[in-house]
N, C-alpha and C. Protein backbone atom coordinates (compact mmCIF):
# COMPACT_ATOMS: atom_id res chain seq x y z
N MET A 1 0.84 -1.18 0.00
CA MET A 1 0.00 0.00 0.00
C MET A 1 0.88 1.24 0.00
N PHE A 2 0.46 2.26 -0.72
CA PHE A 2 1.21 3.51 -0.83
C PHE A 2 0.97 4.36 0.41
N GLU A 3 2.04 4.85 0.99
CA GLU A 3 1.94 5.69 2.17
C GLU A 3 2.86 6.89 1.99
N LEU A 4 2.34 8.06 2.26
CA LEU A 4 3.09 9.30 2.09
C LEU A 4 3.34 9.92 3.45
N HIS A 5 4.61 10.17 3.75
CA HIS A 5 4.97 10.82 5.01
C HIS A 5 5.56 12.19 4.69
N ILE A 6 4.97 13.20 5.29
CA ILE A 6 5.46 14.55 5.08
C ILE A 6 5.90 15.08 6.44
N GLY A 7 7.14 15.46 6.53
CA GLY A 7 7.65 15.96 7.79
C GLY A 7 8.65 17.08 7.54
N GLY A 8 9.21 17.58 8.62
CA GLY A 8 10.20 18.64 8.53
C GLY A 8 9.60 19.94 8.06
N PRO A 9 10.38 20.75 7.35
CA PRO A 9 9.91 22.06 6.91
C PRO A 9 8.71 21.98 5.96
N ILE A 10 8.67 20.96 5.12
CA ILE A 10 7.55 20.81 4.18
C ILE A 10 6.26 20.51 4.95
N GLY A 11 6.34 19.66 5.94
CA GLY A 11 5.18 19.34 6.76
C GLY A 11 4.68 20.56 7.51
N LEU A 12 5.60 21.37 8.02
CA LEU A 12 5.22 22.59 8.72
C LEU A 12 4.54 23.57 7.77
N LEU A 13 5.04 23.67 6.56
CA LEU A 13 4.43 24.55 5.56
C LEU A 13 3.02 24.09 5.20
N VAL A 14 2.84 22.79 5.03
CA VAL A 14 1.51 22.25 4.75
C VAL A 14 0.57 22.55 5.92
N LEU A 15 1.04 22.39 7.14
CA LEU A 15 0.23 22.68 8.32
C LEU A 15 -0.19 24.15 8.35
N VAL A 16 0.73 25.05 8.08
CA VAL A 16 0.42 26.49 8.08
C VAL A 16 -0.62 26.81 7.01
N PHE A 17 -0.46 26.27 5.81
CA PHE A 17 -1.42 26.52 4.73
C PHE A 17 -2.80 25.97 5.09
N ASP A 18 -2.83 24.77 5.67
CA ASP A 18 -4.11 24.17 6.03
C ASP A 18 -4.81 24.95 7.14
N VAL A 19 -4.07 25.40 8.13
CA VAL A 19 -4.66 26.20 9.20
C VAL A 19 -5.21 27.50 8.64
N TYR A 20 -4.47 28.14 7.74
CA TYR A 20 -4.95 29.36 7.09
C TYR A 20 -6.26 29.11 6.35
N ALA A 21 -6.31 28.03 5.57
CA ALA A 21 -7.51 27.72 4.80
C ALA A 21 -8.68 27.44 5.74
N ILE A 22 -8.46 26.69 6.80
CA ILE A 22 -9.54 26.37 7.74
C ILE A 22 -10.04 27.63 8.43
N MET A 23 -9.16 28.54 8.77
CA MET A 23 -9.58 29.80 9.37
C MET A 23 -10.43 30.62 8.40
N GLN A 24 -10.02 30.67 7.15
CA GLN A 24 -10.79 31.41 6.14
C GLN A 24 -12.16 30.77 5.92
N ILE A 25 -12.21 29.46 5.91
CA ILE A 25 -13.47 28.76 5.72
C ILE A 25 -14.39 29.00 6.91
N ALA A 26 -13.84 28.94 8.12
CA ALA A 26 -14.65 29.13 9.32
C ALA A 26 -15.24 30.54 9.39
N ARG A 27 -14.53 31.52 8.85
CA ARG A 27 -15.01 32.91 8.87
C ARG A 27 -15.91 33.25 7.68
N SER A 28 -16.08 32.33 6.75
CA SER A 28 -16.89 32.62 5.57
C SER A 28 -18.36 32.69 5.94
N ARG A 29 -19.16 33.27 5.06
CA ARG A 29 -20.58 33.44 5.33
C ARG A 29 -21.43 32.32 4.75
N TYR A 30 -20.81 31.26 4.30
CA TYR A 30 -21.54 30.13 3.73
C TYR A 30 -22.15 29.27 4.82
N SER A 31 -23.09 28.41 4.43
CA SER A 31 -23.83 27.59 5.40
C SER A 31 -22.88 26.64 6.14
N GLY A 32 -23.36 26.17 7.26
CA GLY A 32 -22.57 25.28 8.10
C GLY A 32 -22.16 24.01 7.39
N TRP A 33 -23.05 23.46 6.54
CA TRP A 33 -22.74 22.23 5.82
C TRP A 33 -21.61 22.44 4.82
N VAL A 34 -21.62 23.56 4.14
CA VAL A 34 -20.57 23.84 3.16
C VAL A 34 -19.23 24.01 3.88
N ARG A 35 -19.24 24.77 4.96
CA ARG A 35 -18.00 24.95 5.73
C ARG A 35 -17.50 23.63 6.27
N ALA A 36 -18.40 22.82 6.81
CA ALA A 36 -18.00 21.52 7.36
C ALA A 36 -17.41 20.61 6.28
N ALA A 37 -17.99 20.65 5.09
CA ALA A 37 -17.48 19.81 4.00
C ALA A 37 -16.08 20.25 3.58
N TRP A 38 -15.86 21.57 3.46
CA TRP A 38 -14.53 22.06 3.08
C TRP A 38 -13.49 21.72 4.16
N ILE A 39 -13.85 21.92 5.42
CA ILE A 39 -12.91 21.63 6.50
C ILE A 39 -12.60 20.13 6.54
N ALA A 40 -13.62 19.29 6.37
CA ALA A 40 -13.39 17.84 6.36
C ALA A 40 -12.47 17.45 5.21
N LEU A 41 -12.66 18.05 4.04
CA LEU A 41 -11.80 17.74 2.90
C LEU A 41 -10.34 18.09 3.21
N ILE A 42 -10.12 19.24 3.83
CA ILE A 42 -8.75 19.65 4.14
C ILE A 42 -8.14 18.79 5.23
N LEU A 43 -8.95 18.35 6.19
CA LEU A 43 -8.42 17.50 7.25
C LEU A 43 -8.10 16.09 6.75
N VAL A 44 -8.92 15.57 5.84
CA VAL A 44 -8.71 14.21 5.34
C VAL A 44 -7.59 14.17 4.30
N LEU A 45 -7.56 15.17 3.43
CA LEU A 45 -6.55 15.23 2.37
C LEU A 45 -5.85 16.59 2.45
N PRO A 46 -4.88 16.74 3.35
CA PRO A 46 -4.31 18.07 3.61
C PRO A 46 -3.76 18.79 2.38
N ILE A 47 -2.97 18.14 1.58
CA ILE A 47 -2.34 18.82 0.44
C ILE A 47 -3.35 19.00 -0.68
N ILE A 48 -3.99 17.92 -1.09
CA ILE A 48 -4.95 17.98 -2.19
C ILE A 48 -6.14 18.84 -1.81
N GLY A 49 -6.62 18.71 -0.57
CA GLY A 49 -7.75 19.52 -0.11
C GLY A 49 -7.45 21.00 -0.17
N PHE A 50 -6.25 21.39 0.25
CA PHE A 50 -5.87 22.80 0.20
C PHE A 50 -5.81 23.29 -1.24
N ILE A 51 -5.23 22.50 -2.11
CA ILE A 51 -5.12 22.91 -3.52
C ILE A 51 -6.50 23.05 -4.15
N ILE A 52 -7.39 22.11 -3.86
CA ILE A 52 -8.76 22.21 -4.39
C ILE A 52 -9.44 23.45 -3.85
N TRP A 53 -9.31 23.70 -2.53
CA TRP A 53 -9.91 24.90 -1.94
C TRP A 53 -9.34 26.17 -2.57
N LEU A 54 -8.04 26.18 -2.82
CA LEU A 54 -7.38 27.35 -3.37
C LEU A 54 -7.95 27.72 -4.74
N PHE A 55 -8.25 26.73 -5.57
CA PHE A 55 -8.71 27.00 -6.92
C PHE A 55 -10.23 26.99 -7.07
N VAL A 56 -10.95 26.25 -6.25
CA VAL A 56 -12.38 26.07 -6.45
C VAL A 56 -13.21 26.67 -5.31
N GLY A 57 -12.62 26.83 -4.16
CA GLY A 57 -13.36 27.25 -2.97
C GLY A 57 -13.87 28.67 -3.04
N PRO A 58 -14.66 29.04 -2.03
CA PRO A 58 -15.21 30.40 -1.96
C PRO A 58 -14.11 31.45 -2.00
N ARG A 59 -14.34 32.54 -2.70
CA ARG A 59 -13.31 33.56 -2.92
C ARG A 59 -13.34 34.71 -1.92
N GLU A 60 -14.39 34.85 -1.15
CA GLU A 60 -14.53 36.03 -0.30
C GLU A 60 -13.43 36.11 0.75
N GLY A 61 -12.84 37.27 0.89
CA GLY A 61 -11.88 37.52 1.95
C GLY A 61 -10.61 36.68 1.91
N ARG A 62 -10.21 36.22 0.75
CA ARG A 62 -9.04 35.37 0.68
C ARG A 62 -7.75 36.16 0.50
N GLY A 63 -7.85 37.47 0.34
CA GLY A 63 -6.63 38.28 0.16
C GLY A 63 -5.74 38.23 1.38
N ILE A 64 -4.48 38.17 1.19
CA ILE A 64 -3.55 38.01 2.29
C ILE A 64 -3.46 39.27 3.15
N PHE A 65 -3.78 40.43 2.59
CA PHE A 65 -3.66 41.68 3.34
C PHE A 65 -5.01 42.22 3.82
N ARG A 66 -6.04 41.39 3.81
CA ARG A 66 -7.37 41.85 4.26
C ARG A 66 -7.57 41.55 5.72
């Protein structure tokens, strides 16, 4: 079975990006089910979930300087 281990600086970077995405999702004005689905996706698939959220997810308030 294929197993992927991410650690060190790369793992820390993935963690920071995922926490940022989860915070943005939690503050969004979308329904609870939509937020829960996005957060679950990021928790289950940290790298792929973040990338999907980055390109497909809600756009409101995603600016880094807002």
